[in-house]
PDB file of all heavy atoms in Angstrom:
ATOM      1  N   ARG A   1     -15.311 -17.798  13.765  1.00  0.00           N
ATOM      2  CA  ARG A   1     -16.300 -16.779  14.222  1.00  0.00           C
ATOM      3  C   ARG A   1     -15.482 -15.687  14.928  1.00  0.00           C
ATOM      4  O   ARG A   1     -14.623 -15.945  15.692  1.00  0.00           O
ATOM      5  CB  ARG A   1     -17.252 -17.398  15.251  1.00  0.00           C
ATOM      6  CG  ARG A   1     -18.263 -16.386  15.793  1.00  0.00           C
ATOM      7  CD  ARG A   1     -19.000 -16.886  17.055  1.00  0.00           C
ATOM      8  NE  ARG A   1     -18.101 -17.089  18.154  1.00  0.00           N
ATOM      9  CZ  ARG A   1     -17.661 -16.134  19.015  1.00  0.00           C
ATOM     10  NH1 ARG A   1     -18.133 -14.939  18.890  1.00  0.00           N
ATOM     11  NH2 ARG A   1     -16.806 -16.444  19.973  1.00  0.00           N
ATOM     12  N   VAL A   2     -15.832 -14.481  14.500  1.00  0.00           N
ATOM     13  CA  VAL A   2     -15.204 -13.283  15.119  1.00  0.00           C
ATOM     14  C   VAL A   2     -16.290 -12.474  15.853  1.00  0.00           C
ATOM     15  O   VAL A   2     -17.238 -12.052  15.183  1.00  0.00           O
ATOM     16  CB  VAL A   2     -14.521 -12.450  14.077  1.00  0.00           C
ATOM     17  CG1 VAL A   2     -13.995 -11.172  14.681  1.00  0.00           C
ATOM     18  CG2 VAL A   2     -13.394 -13.243  13.443  1.00  0.00           C
ATOM     19  N   GLY A   3     -16.203 -12.467  17.158  1.00  0.00           N
ATOM     20  CA  GLY A   3     -17.287 -11.798  17.963  1.00  0.00           C
ATOM     21  C   GLY A   3     -17.056 -10.336  18.205  1.00  0.00           C
ATOM     22  O   GLY A   3     -16.143  -9.653  17.692  1.00  0.00           O
ATOM     23  N   GLU A   4     -17.951  -9.741  18.968  1.00  0.00           N
ATOM     24  CA  GLU A   4     -17.971  -8.362  19.254  1.00  0.00           C
ATOM     25  C   GLU A   4     -16.705  -7.873  19.922  1.00  0.00           C
ATOM     26  O   GLU A   4     -16.183  -8.643  20.790  1.00  0.00           O
ATOM     27  CB  GLU A   4     -19.164  -8.026  20.176  1.00  0.00           C
ATOM     28  CG  GLU A   4     -19.327  -6.568  20.489  1.00  0.00           C
ATOM     29  CD  GLU A   4     -20.546  -6.281  21.292  1.00  0.00           C
ATOM     30  OE1 GLU A   4     -21.341  -7.191  21.584  1.00  0.00           O
ATOM     31  OE2 GLU A   4     -20.737  -5.115  21.697  1.00  0.00           O
ATOM     32  N   GLY A   5     -16.174  -6.772  19.489  1.00  0.00           N
ATOM     33  CA  GLY A   5     -14.963  -6.185  20.150  1.00  0.00           C
ATOM     34  C   GLY A   5     -13.661  -6.690  19.520  1.00  0.00           C
ATOM     35  O   GLY A   5     -12.575  -6.232  19.868  1.00  0.00           O
ATOM     36  N   VAL A   6     -13.765  -7.603  18.510  1.00  0.00           N
ATOM     37  CA  VAL A   6     -12.550  -8.142  17.867  1.00  0.00           C
ATOM     38  C   VAL A   6     -12.264  -7.430  16.472  1.00  0.00           C
ATOM     39  O   VAL A   6     -13.276  -7.312  15.770  1.00  0.00           O
ATOM     40  CB  VAL A   6     -12.683  -9.642  17.671  1.00  0.00           C
ATOM     41  CG1 VAL A   6     -11.419 -10.204  16.969  1.00  0.00           C
ATOM     42  CG2 VAL A   6     -12.887 -10.399  18.990  1.00  0.00           C
ATOM     43  N   THR A   7     -11.080  -7.011  16.228  1.00  0.00           N
ATOM     44  CA  THR A   7     -10.733  -6.443  15.014  1.00  0.00           C
ATOM     45  C   THR A   7      -9.954  -7.462  14.147  1.00  0.00           C
ATOM     46  O   THR A   7      -9.038  -8.051  14.580  1.00  0.00           O
ATOM     47  CB  THR A   7      -9.817  -5.207  15.230  1.00  0.00           C
ATOM     48  OG1 THR A   7     -10.533  -4.259  15.988  1.00  0.00           O
ATOM     49  CG2 THR A   7      -9.374  -4.590  13.925  1.00  0.00           C
ATOM     50  N   VAL A   8     -10.453  -7.627  12.861  1.00  0.00           N
ATOM     51  CA  VAL A   8      -9.782  -8.555  11.964  1.00  0.00           C
ATOM     52  C   VAL A   8      -8.549  -7.791  11.356  1.00  0.00           C
ATOM     53  O   VAL A   8      -8.659  -6.733  10.795  1.00  0.00           O
ATOM     54  CB  VAL A   8     -10.687  -8.988  10.878  1.00  0.00           C
ATOM     55  CG1 VAL A   8      -9.960  -9.771   9.763  1.00  0.00           C
ATOM     56  CG2 VAL A   8     -11.860  -9.863  11.385  1.00  0.00           C
ATOM     57  N   LEU A   9      -7.372  -8.449  11.454  1.00  0.00           N
ATOM     58  CA  LEU A   9      -6.157  -7.805  10.972  1.00  0.00           C
ATOM     59  C   LEU A   9      -5.711  -8.421   9.622  1.00  0.00           C
ATOM     60  O   LEU A   9      -4.961  -7.794   8.897  1.00  0.00           O
ATOM     61  CB  LEU A   9      -5.057  -8.016  12.006  1.00  0.00           C
ATOM     62  CG  LEU A   9      -5.345  -7.348  13.352  1.00  0.00           C
ATOM     63  CD1 LEU A   9      -4.079  -7.542  14.279  1.00  0.00           C
ATOM     64  CD2 LEU A   9      -5.583  -5.873  13.251  1.00  0.00           C
ATOM     65  N   ALA A  10      -6.094  -9.716   9.352  1.00  0.00           N
ATOM     66  CA  ALA A  10      -5.615 -10.341   8.108  1.00  0.00           C
ATOM     67  C   ALA A  10      -6.493 -11.535   7.819  1.00  0.00           C
ATOM     68  O   ALA A  10      -7.073 -12.189   8.717  1.00  0.00           O
ATOM     69  CB  ALA A  10      -4.168 -10.804   8.230  1.00  0.00           C
ATOM     70  N   THR A  11      -6.698 -11.764   6.519  1.00  0.00           N
ATOM     71  CA  THR A  11      -7.432 -12.959   6.042  1.00  0.00           C
ATOM     72  C   THR A  11      -6.627 -13.670   4.987  1.00  0.00           C
ATOM     73  O   THR A  11      -5.709 -13.078   4.346  1.00  0.00           O
ATOM     74  CB  THR A  11      -8.774 -12.540   5.471  1.00  0.00           C
ATOM     75  OG1 THR A  11      -8.588 -11.738   4.305  1.00  0.00           O
ATOM     76  CG2 THR A  11      -9.674 -11.834   6.440  1.00  0.00           C
ATOM     77  N   HIS A  12      -6.894 -14.956   4.806  1.00  0.00           N
ATOM     78  CA  HIS A  12      -6.287 -15.713   3.741  1.00  0.00           C
ATOM     79  C   HIS A  12      -7.351 -16.737   3.258  1.00  0.00           C
ATOM     80  O   HIS A  12      -7.960 -17.484   4.013  1.00  0.00           O
ATOM     81  CB  HIS A  12      -5.093 -16.520   4.276  1.00  0.00           C
ATOM     82  CG  HIS A  12      -4.425 -17.379   3.181  1.00  0.00           C
ATOM     83  ND1 HIS A  12      -3.799 -16.858   2.138  1.00  0.00           N
ATOM     84  CD2 HIS A  12      -4.307 -18.700   3.103  1.00  0.00           C
ATOM     85  CE1 HIS A  12      -3.319 -17.869   1.389  1.00  0.00           C
ATOM     86  NE2 HIS A  12      -3.645 -19.000   1.942  1.00  0.00           N
ATOM     87  N   GLN A  13      -7.547 -16.769   1.914  1.00  0.00           N
ATOM     88  CA  GLN A  13      -8.541 -17.585   1.324  1.00  0.00           C
ATOM     89  C   GLN A  13      -9.909 -17.418   2.032  1.00  0.00           C
ATOM     90  O   GLN A  13     -10.630 -18.428   2.189  1.00  0.00           O
ATOM     91  CB  GLN A  13      -8.061 -19.027   1.331  1.00  0.00           C
ATOM     92  CG  GLN A  13      -6.833 -19.313   0.488  1.00  0.00           C
ATOM     93  CD  GLN A  13      -6.372 -20.717   0.529  1.00  0.00           C
ATOM     94  OE1 GLN A  13      -6.832 -21.509   1.325  1.00  0.00           O
ATOM     95  NE2 GLN A  13      -5.425 -21.068  -0.317  1.00  0.00           N
ATOM     96  N   GLY A  14     -10.292 -16.230   2.351  1.00  0.00           N
ATOM     97  CA  GLY A  14     -11.572 -15.976   2.908  1.00  0.00           C
ATOM     98  C   GLY A  14     -11.651 -16.262   4.459  1.00  0.00           C
ATOM     99  O   GLY A  14     -12.730 -16.045   5.035  1.00  0.00           O
ATOM    100  N   GLN A  15     -10.558 -16.765   5.037  1.00  0.00           N
ATOM    101  CA  GLN A  15     -10.588 -17.069   6.476  1.00  0.00           C
ATOM    102  C   GLN A  15      -9.814 -16.094   7.227  1.00  0.00           C
ATOM    103  O   GLN A  15      -8.687 -15.614   6.823  1.00  0.00           O
ATOM    104  CB  GLN A  15     -10.027 -18.487   6.676  1.00  0.00           C
ATOM    105  CG  GLN A  15     -10.789 -19.572   5.889  1.00  0.00           C
ATOM    106  CD  GLN A  15     -10.730 -20.919   6.647  1.00  0.00           C
ATOM    107  OE1 GLN A  15     -11.356 -21.018   7.769  1.00  0.00           O
ATOM    108  NE2 GLN A  15     -10.130 -21.869   6.081  1.00  0.00           N
ATOM    109  N   VAL A  16     -10.261 -15.757   8.454  1.00  0.00           N
ATOM    110  CA  VAL A  16      -9.489 -14.779   9.295  1.00  0.00           C
ATOM    111  C   VAL A  16      -8.387 -15.504   9.927  1.00  0.00           C
ATOM    112  O   VAL A  16      -8.501 -16.600  10.547  1.00  0.00           O
ATOM    113  CB  VAL A  16     -10.497 -14.283  10.422  1.00  0.00           C
ATOM    114  CG1 VAL A  16      -9.742 -13.316  11.310  1.00  0.00           C
ATOM    115  CG2 VAL A  16     -11.697 -13.585   9.740  1.00  0.00           C
ATOM    116  N   VAL A  17      -7.159 -14.876   9.795  1.00  0.00           N
ATOM    117  CA  VAL A  17      -5.970 -15.508  10.329  1.00  0.00           C
ATOM    118  C   VAL A  17      -5.221 -14.650  11.261  1.00  0.00           C
ATOM    119  O   VAL A  17      -4.148 -15.065  11.778  1.00  0.00           O
ATOM    120  CB  VAL A  17      -5.053 -15.969   9.178  1.00  0.00           C
ATOM    121  CG1 VAL A  17      -5.674 -17.145   8.345  1.00  0.00           C
ATOM    122  CG2 VAL A  17      -4.632 -14.826   8.233  1.00  0.00           C
ATOM    123  N   ALA A  18      -5.668 -13.425  11.503  1.00  0.00           N
ATOM    124  CA  ALA A  18      -5.078 -12.495  12.513  1.00  0.00           C
ATOM    125  C   ALA A  18      -6.121 -11.648  13.022  1.00  0.00           C
ATOM    126  O   ALA A  18      -6.947 -11.084  12.295  1.00  0.00           O
ATOM    127  CB  ALA A  18      -3.937 -11.718  11.912  1.00  0.00           C
ATOM    128  N   ALA A  19      -6.184 -11.475  14.409  1.00  0.00           N
ATOM    129  CA  ALA A  19      -7.238 -10.689  15.030  1.00  0.00           C
ATOM    130  C   ALA A  19      -6.676 -10.081  16.340  1.00  0.00           C
ATOM    131  O   ALA A  19      -5.707 -10.610  16.907  1.00  0.00           O
ATOM    132  CB  ALA A  19      -8.399 -11.588  15.272  1.00  0.00           C
ATOM    133  N   GLN A  20      -7.387  -9.074  16.695  1.00  0.00           N
ATOM    134  CA  GLN A  20      -6.978  -8.420  18.011  1.00  0.00           C
ATOM    135  C   GLN A  20      -8.181  -7.955  18.777  1.00  0.00           C
ATOM    136  O   GLN A  20      -9.172  -7.489  18.197  1.00  0.00           O
ATOM    137  CB  GLN A  20      -6.070  -7.197  17.656  1.00  0.00           C
ATOM    138  CG  GLN A  20      -5.451  -6.527  18.937  1.00  0.00           C
ATOM    139  CD  GLN A  20      -4.259  -5.602  18.603  1.00  0.00           C
ATOM    140  OE1 GLN A  20      -4.075  -5.226  17.451  1.00  0.00           O
ATOM    141  NE2 GLN A  20      -3.544  -5.214  19.543  1.00  0.00           N
ATOM    142  N   GLN A  21      -8.130  -8.014  20.096  1.00  0.00           N
ATOM    143  CA  GLN A  21      -9.119  -7.459  20.936  1.00  0.00           C
ATOM    144  C   GLN A  21      -8.451  -6.938  22.132  1.00  0.00           C
ATOM    145  O   GLN A  21      -7.892  -7.588  23.009  1.00  0.00           O
ATOM    146  CB  GLN A  21     -10.108  -8.582  21.431  1.00  0.00           C
ATOM    147  CG  GLN A  21     -11.179  -8.114  22.262  1.00  0.00           C
ATOM    148  CD  GLN A  21     -12.216  -9.261  22.682  1.00  0.00           C
ATOM    149  OE1 GLN A  21     -11.948 -10.348  22.477  1.00  0.00           O
ATOM    150  NE2 GLN A  21     -13.324  -8.800  23.232  1.00  0.00           N
ATOM    151  N   GLY A  22      -8.384  -5.571  22.156  1.00  0.00           N
ATOM    152  CA  GLY A  22      -7.684  -4.882  23.277  1.00  0.00           C
ATOM    153  C   GLY A  22      -6.270  -5.251  23.334  1.00  0.00           C
ATOM    154  O   GLY A  22      -5.465  -5.152  22.432  1.00  0.00           O
ATOM    155  N   ARG A  23      -5.849  -5.865  24.474  1.00  0.00           N
ATOM    156  CA  ARG A  23      -4.485  -6.255  24.727  1.00  0.00           C
ATOM    157  C   ARG A  23      -4.181  -7.678  24.308  1.00  0.00           C
ATOM    158  O   ARG A  23      -3.150  -8.261  24.691  1.00  0.00           O
ATOM    159  CB  ARG A  23      -4.101  -6.065  26.202  1.00  0.00           C
ATOM    160  CG  ARG A  23      -4.227  -4.629  26.664  1.00  0.00           C
ATOM    161  CD  ARG A  23      -3.722  -4.427  28.095  1.00  0.00           C
ATOM    162  NE  ARG A  23      -4.256  -5.450  29.020  1.00  0.00           N
ATOM    163  CZ  ARG A  23      -5.420  -5.370  29.631  1.00  0.00           C
ATOM    164  NH1 ARG A  23      -6.277  -4.330  29.365  1.00  0.00           N
ATOM    165  NH2 ARG A  23      -5.868  -6.300  30.413  1.00  0.00           N
ATOM    166  N   VAL A  24      -5.009  -8.245  23.546  1.00  0.00           N
ATOM    167  CA  VAL A  24      -4.861  -9.624  23.050  1.00  0.00           C
ATOM    168  C   VAL A  24      -4.725  -9.694  21.563  1.00  0.00           C
ATOM    169  O   VAL A  24      -5.630  -9.262  20.805  1.00  0.00           O
ATOM    170  CB  VAL A  24      -6.054 -10.568  23.502  1.00  0.00           C
ATOM    171  CG1 VAL A  24      -5.872 -11.973  22.990  1.00  0.00           C
ATOM    172  CG2 VAL A  24      -6.153 -10.544  25.007  1.00  0.00           C
ATOM    173  N   LEU A  25      -3.623 -10.179  21.086  1.00  0.00           N
ATOM    174  CA  LEU A  25      -3.325 -10.365  19.637  1.00  0.00           C
ATOM    175  C   LEU A  25      -3.205 -11.796  19.307  1.00  0.00           C
ATOM    176  O   LEU A  25      -2.597 -12.585  20.099  1.00  0.00           O
ATOM    177  CB  LEU A  25      -2.007  -9.606  19.263  1.00  0.00           C
ATOM    178  CG  LEU A  25      -1.430  -9.811  17.953  1.00  0.00           C
ATOM    179  CD1 LEU A  25      -2.346  -9.284  16.811  1.00  0.00           C
ATOM    180  CD2 LEU A  25      -0.038  -9.146  17.811  1.00  0.00           C
ATOM    181  N   ALA A  26      -3.743 -12.264  18.241  1.00  0.00           N
ATOM    182  CA  ALA A  26      -3.629 -13.708  17.811  1.00  0.00           C
ATOM    183  C   ALA A  26      -3.390 -13.766  16.347  1.00  0.00           C
ATOM    184  O   ALA A  26      -4.054 -13.103  15.597  1.00  0.00           O
ATOM    185  CB  ALA A  26      -4.884 -14.483  18.186  1.00  0.00           C
ATOM    186  N   THR A  27      -2.416 -14.627  15.988  1.00  0.00           N
ATOM    187  CA  THR A  27      -2.098 -14.838  14.587  1.00  0.00           C
ATOM    188  C   THR A  27      -2.035 -16.346  14.355  1.00  0.00           C
ATOM    189  O   THR A  27      -1.422 -17.140  15.157  1.00  0.00           O
ATOM    190  CB  THR A  27      -0.736 -14.213  14.104  1.00  0.00           C
ATOM    191  OG1 THR A  27       0.305 -14.695  15.032  1.00  0.00           O
ATOM    192  CG2 THR A  27      -0.845 -12.745  14.219  1.00  0.00           C
ATOM    193  N   ALA A  28      -2.707 -16.820  13.286  1.00  0.00           N
ATOM    194  CA  ALA A  28      -2.781 -18.253  13.022  1.00  0.00           C
ATOM    195  C   ALA A  28      -1.484 -18.809  12.421  1.00  0.00           C
ATOM    196  O   ALA A  28      -1.292 -20.035  12.434  1.00  0.00           O
ATOM    197  CB  ALA A  28      -3.951 -18.524  12.022  1.00  0.00           C
ATOM    198  N   PHE A  29      -0.621 -17.964  12.047  1.00  0.00           N
ATOM    199  CA  PHE A  29       0.659 -18.380  11.411  1.00  0.00           C
ATOM    200  C   PHE A  29       1.818 -18.099  12.274  1.00  0.00           C
ATOM    201  O   PHE A  29       1.676 -17.739  13.425  1.00  0.00           O
ATOM    202  CB  PHE A  29       0.788 -17.560  10.074  1.00  0.00           C
ATOM    203  CG  PHE A  29       0.552 -16.068  10.223  1.00  0.00           C
ATOM    204  CD1 PHE A  29       1.610 -15.235  10.457  1.00  0.00           C
ATOM    205  CD2 PHE A  29      -0.673 -15.539  10.072  1.00  0.00           C
ATOM    206  CE1 PHE A  29       1.439 -13.826  10.614  1.00  0.00           C
ATOM    207  CE2 PHE A  29      -0.871 -14.170  10.223  1.00  0.00           C
ATOM    208  CZ  PHE A  29       0.178 -13.353  10.551  1.00  0.00           C
ATOM    209  N   HIS A  30       3.055 -18.393  11.772  1.00  0.00           N
ATOM    210  CA  HIS A  30       4.206 -18.357  12.509  1.00  0.00           C
ATOM    211  C   HIS A  30       5.211 -17.197  12.023  1.00  0.00           C
ATOM    212  O   HIS A  30       6.032 -17.417  11.234  1.00  0.00           O
ATOM    213  CB  HIS A  30       5.072 -19.689  12.327  1.00  0.00           C
ATOM    214  CG  HIS A  30       4.443 -20.876  13.026  1.00  0.00           C
ATOM    215  ND1 HIS A  30       4.784 -21.312  14.291  1.00  0.00           N
ATOM    216  CD2 HIS A  30       3.448 -21.741  12.553  1.00  0.00           C
ATOM    217  CE1 HIS A  30       4.011 -22.373  14.592  1.00  0.00           C
ATOM    218  NE2 HIS A  30       3.292 -22.685  13.554  1.00  0.00           N
ATOM    219  N   PRO A  31       5.025 -16.010  12.525  1.00  0.00           N
ATOM    220  CA  PRO A  31       5.947 -14.882  12.161  1.00  0.00           C
ATOM    221  C   PRO A  31       7.393 -15.096  12.656  1.00  0.00           C
ATOM    222  O   PRO A  31       8.275 -14.490  12.090  1.00  0.00           O
ATOM    223  CB  PRO A  31       5.247 -13.696  12.770  1.00  0.00           C
ATOM    224  CG  PRO A  31       4.497 -14.175  13.894  1.00  0.00           C
ATOM    225  CD  PRO A  31       4.006 -15.519  13.485  1.00  0.00           C
ATOM    226  N   GLU A  32       7.483 -15.983  13.658  1.00  0.00           N
ATOM    227  CA  GLU A  32       8.834 -16.218  14.242  1.00  0.00           C
ATOM    228  C   GLU A  32       9.731 -17.050  13.340  1.00  0.00           C
ATOM    229  O   GLU A  32      10.961 -17.164  13.550  1.00  0.00           O
ATOM    230  CB  GLU A  32       8.787 -16.782  15.619  1.00  0.00           C
ATOM    231  CG  GLU A  32       8.427 -18.286  15.654  1.00  0.00           C
ATOM    232  CD  GLU A  32       6.945 -18.605  15.446  1.00  0.00           C
ATOM    233  OE1 GLU A  32       6.201 -17.700  15.149  1.00  0.00           O
ATOM    234  OE2 GLU A  32       6.681 -19.790  15.538  1.00  0.00           O
ATOM    235  N   LEU A  33       9.168 -17.667  12.340  1.00  0.00           N
ATOM    236  CA  LEU A  33       9.952 -18.580  11.453  1.00  0.00           C
ATOM    237  C   LEU A  33      10.370 -17.814  10.072  1.00  0.00           C
ATOM    238  O   LEU A  33      10.891 -18.513   9.223  1.00  0.00           O
ATOM    239  CB  LEU A  33       9.057 -19.755  11.063  1.00  0.00           C
ATOM    240  CG  LEU A  33       8.644 -20.669  12.248  1.00  0.00           C
ATOM    241  CD1 LEU A  33       7.943 -21.868  11.742  1.00  0.00           C
ATOM    242  CD2 LEU A  33       9.880 -21.060  13.103  1.00  0.00           C
TER     243      LEU A  33
END
């Protein structure tokens, strides 16, 4: 679920896997690898 104020940055297979809200960024994957 993506609520109010959240921007979807990426999806995979129809699922949201990256999102941002203001100063909070979240990615479901491992960019550090």
